[in-house]
Amino acid sequence: MFAFMLARNTSSELSKQQIANFKEDLSTTIEDDIKAKGYCELSTDYAPEGTLAEVAERTEISNSVFPWKTNMEVTFDYVKVSDGYGKSYETIYKKR
């Protein structure tokens, strides 16, 4: 979802290569986190935090292009998103 938001909201600010690098790094990082901890948490307040901030820094993506107040919990079985301050999580993917 974050990669989708980047591609959709910042096409004039980021090159296709920057977006591709971000997607690749984020995918690898999510998979590594899930293997190590059973889940990956991605979050933004007014800027990316934790794992997402690390990926953004490695791929030279500005904090200003991320949505605010968004959280995701990712596992191999589901993806849940909270899009906005105080919003409930919504399951956007569930393994069948």
C-alpha atoms as a PDB file:
ATOM      1  CA  MET A   1       0.000   0.000   0.000  1.00  0.00           C
ATOM      2  CA  PHE A   2       2.795   2.443   0.865  1.00  0.00           C
ATOM      3  CA  ALA A   3       4.529   1.647  -2.405  1.00  0.00           C
ATOM      4  CA  PHE A   4       1.219   2.147  -4.226  1.00  0.00           C
ATOM      5  CA  MET A   5       0.704   5.499  -2.493  1.00  0.00           C
ATOM      6  CA  LEU A   6       4.209   6.563  -3.448  1.00  0.00           C
ATOM      7  CA  ALA A   7       3.672   5.650  -7.079  1.00  0.00           C
ATOM      8  CA  ARG A   8       0.257   7.281  -7.217  1.00  0.00           C
ATOM      9  CA  ASN A   9       0.873  10.489  -5.259  1.00  0.00           C
ATOM     10  CA  THR A  10       4.384  11.469  -6.232  1.00  0.00           C
ATOM     11  CA  SER A  11       4.907  10.603  -9.853  1.00  0.00           C
ATOM     12  CA  SER A  12       6.302  14.076 -10.535  1.00  0.00           C
ATOM     13  CA  GLU A  13       8.608  14.033  -7.490  1.00  0.00           C
ATOM     14  CA  LEU A  14      10.167  10.583  -7.838  1.00  0.00           C
ATOM     15  CA  SER A  15      11.729   8.789 -10.758  1.00  0.00           C
ATOM     16  CA  LYS A  16      10.497   5.364 -11.838  1.00  0.00           C
ATOM     17  CA  GLN A  17      13.853   3.994 -10.702  1.00  0.00           C
ATOM     18  CA  GLN A  18      13.460   5.460  -7.191  1.00  0.00           C
ATOM     19  CA  ILE A  19      10.017   3.897  -6.903  1.00  0.00           C
ATOM     20  CA  ALA A  20      11.327   0.547  -8.182  1.00  0.00           C
ATOM     21  CA  ASN A  21      14.219   0.625  -5.705  1.00  0.00           C
ATOM     22  CA  PHE A  22      11.823   1.455  -2.864  1.00  0.00           C
ATOM     23  CA  LYS A  23       9.452  -1.378  -3.806  1.00  0.00           C
ATOM     24  CA  GLU A  24      12.280  -3.901  -4.020  1.00  0.00           C
ATOM     25  CA  ASP A  25      13.859  -2.880  -0.710  1.00  0.00           C
ATOM     26  CA  LEU A  26      10.500  -2.693   1.066  1.00  0.00           C
ATOM     27  CA  SER A  27       9.449  -6.139  -0.204  1.00  0.00           C
ATOM     28  CA  THR A  28      12.686  -7.722   0.979  1.00  0.00           C
ATOM     29  CA  THR A  29      12.508  -5.956   4.344  1.00  0.00           C
ATOM     30  CA  ILE A  30       8.889  -7.000   4.931  1.00  0.00           C
ATOM     31  CA  GLU A  31       9.700 -10.625   4.118  1.00  0.00           C
ATOM     32  CA  ASP A  32      12.774 -10.600   6.385  1.00  0.00           C
ATOM     33  CA  ASP A  33      10.783  -9.075   9.275  1.00  0.00           C
ATOM     34  CA  ILE A  34       7.991 -11.623   8.920  1.00  0.00           C
ATOM     35  CA  LYS A  35      10.481 -14.489   8.885  1.00  0.00           C
ATOM     36  CA  ALA A  36      12.221 -13.097  11.996  1.00  0.00           C
ATOM     37  CA  LYS A  37       9.235 -11.878  14.049  1.00  0.00           C
ATOM     38  CA  GLY A  38       6.121 -13.297  12.422  1.00  0.00           C
ATOM     39  CA  TYR A  39       4.936  -9.854  11.271  1.00  0.00           C
ATOM     40  CA  CYS A  40       6.090  -6.516   9.913  1.00  0.00           C
ATOM     41  CA  GLU A  41       4.741  -3.183  11.111  1.00  0.00           C
ATOM     42  CA  LEU A  42       4.866  -0.178   8.798  1.00  0.00           C
ATOM     43  CA  SER A  43       3.816   3.200  10.119  1.00  0.00           C
ATOM     44  CA  THR A  44       3.798   6.907   9.541  1.00  0.00           C
ATOM     45  CA  ASP A  45       2.867   9.743  11.839  1.00  0.00           C
ATOM     46  CA  TYR A  46       3.892  12.932  10.072  1.00  0.00           C
ATOM     47  CA  ALA A  47       6.817  11.029   8.549  1.00  0.00           C
ATOM     48  CA  PRO A  48       7.687   7.348   8.146  1.00  0.00           C
ATOM     49  CA  GLU A  49       8.760   5.558  11.316  1.00  0.00           C
ATOM     50  CA  GLY A  50      10.809   2.462  12.124  1.00  0.00           C
ATOM     51  CA  THR A  51      11.140  -0.024   9.293  1.00  0.00           C
ATOM     52  CA  LEU A  52       9.519   2.289   6.765  1.00  0.00           C
ATOM     53  CA  ALA A  53      11.864   5.156   7.697  1.00  0.00           C
ATOM     54  CA  GLU A  54      14.879   2.878   7.289  1.00  0.00           C
ATOM     55  CA  VAL A  55      13.785   1.781   3.808  1.00  0.00           C
ATOM     56  CA  ALA A  56      13.035   5.367   2.786  1.00  0.00           C
ATOM     57  CA  GLU A  57      16.476   6.484   3.937  1.00  0.00           C
ATOM     58  CA  ARG A  58      18.269   3.627   2.160  1.00  0.00           C
ATOM     59  CA  THR A  59      16.438   4.383  -1.084  1.00  0.00           C
ATOM     60  CA  GLU A  60      16.708   8.175  -0.748  1.00  0.00           C
ATOM     61  CA  ILE A  61      12.963   8.794  -0.631  1.00  0.00           C
ATOM     62  CA  SER A  62      11.941  12.053   1.052  1.00  0.00           C
ATOM     63  CA  ASN A  63       9.736  11.845   4.136  1.00  0.00           C
ATOM     64  CA  SER A  64       7.420  14.401   2.559  1.00  0.00           C
ATOM     65  CA  VAL A  65       5.968  11.947   0.030  1.00  0.00           C
ATOM     66  CA  PHE A  66       4.433   9.552   2.582  1.00  0.00           C
ATOM     67  CA  PRO A  67       0.843   9.697   3.787  1.00  0.00           C
ATOM     68  CA  TRP A  68       0.280  10.841   7.370  1.00  0.00           C
ATOM     69  CA  LYS A  69      -1.158   8.769  10.197  1.00  0.00           C
ATOM     70  CA  THR A  70      -1.111   5.420   8.408  1.00  0.00           C
ATOM     71  CA  ASN A  71      -0.282   2.033   9.923  1.00  0.00           C
ATOM     72  CA  MET A  72      -0.005  -1.459   8.465  1.00  0.00           C
ATOM     73  CA  GLU A  73       0.463  -4.869   9.990  1.00  0.00           C
ATOM     74  CA  VAL A  74       1.735  -7.393   7.458  1.00  0.00           C
ATOM     75  CA  THR A  75       2.070 -11.166   7.824  1.00  0.00           C
ATOM     76  CA  PHE A  76       2.147 -13.981   5.304  1.00  0.00           C
ATOM     77  CA  ASP A  77      -1.545 -14.575   6.143  1.00  0.00           C
ATOM     78  CA  TYR A  78      -3.007 -11.064   6.203  1.00  0.00           C
ATOM     79  CA  VAL A  79      -2.474  -7.330   5.748  1.00  0.00           C
ATOM     80  CA  LYS A  80      -4.313  -4.850   7.974  1.00  0.00           C
ATOM     81  CA  VAL A  81      -4.352  -1.078   7.442  1.00  0.00           C
ATOM     82  CA  SER A  82      -5.354   1.854   9.608  1.00  0.00           C
ATOM     83  CA  ASP A  83      -5.587   4.882   7.330  1.00  0.00           C
ATOM     84  CA  GLY A  84      -5.890   7.961   9.535  1.00  0.00           C
ATOM     85  CA  TYR A  85      -5.609   9.059  13.150  1.00  0.00           C
ATOM     86  CA  GLY A  86      -7.595   6.791  15.449  1.00  0.00           C
ATOM     87  CA  LYS A  87      -9.047   4.767  12.584  1.00  0.00           C
ATOM     88  CA  SER A  88      -9.759   1.079  13.090  1.00  0.00           C
ATOM     89  CA  TYR A  89      -7.710  -1.483  11.235  1.00  0.00           C
ATOM     90  CA  GLU A  90      -9.232  -2.906   8.064  1.00  0.00           C
ATOM     91  CA  THR A  91      -8.093  -6.234   6.635  1.00  0.00           C
ATOM     92  CA  ILE A  92      -7.214  -5.653   2.983  1.00  0.00           C
ATOM     93  CA  TYR A  93      -5.726  -9.110   2.341  1.00  0.00           C
ATOM     94  CA  LYS A  94      -6.425 -12.446   3.985  1.00  0.00           C
ATOM     95  CA  LYS A  95      -4.946 -15.770   2.893  1.00  0.00           C
ATOM     96  CA  ARG A  96      -7.620 -18.238   1.894  1.00  0.00           C
END
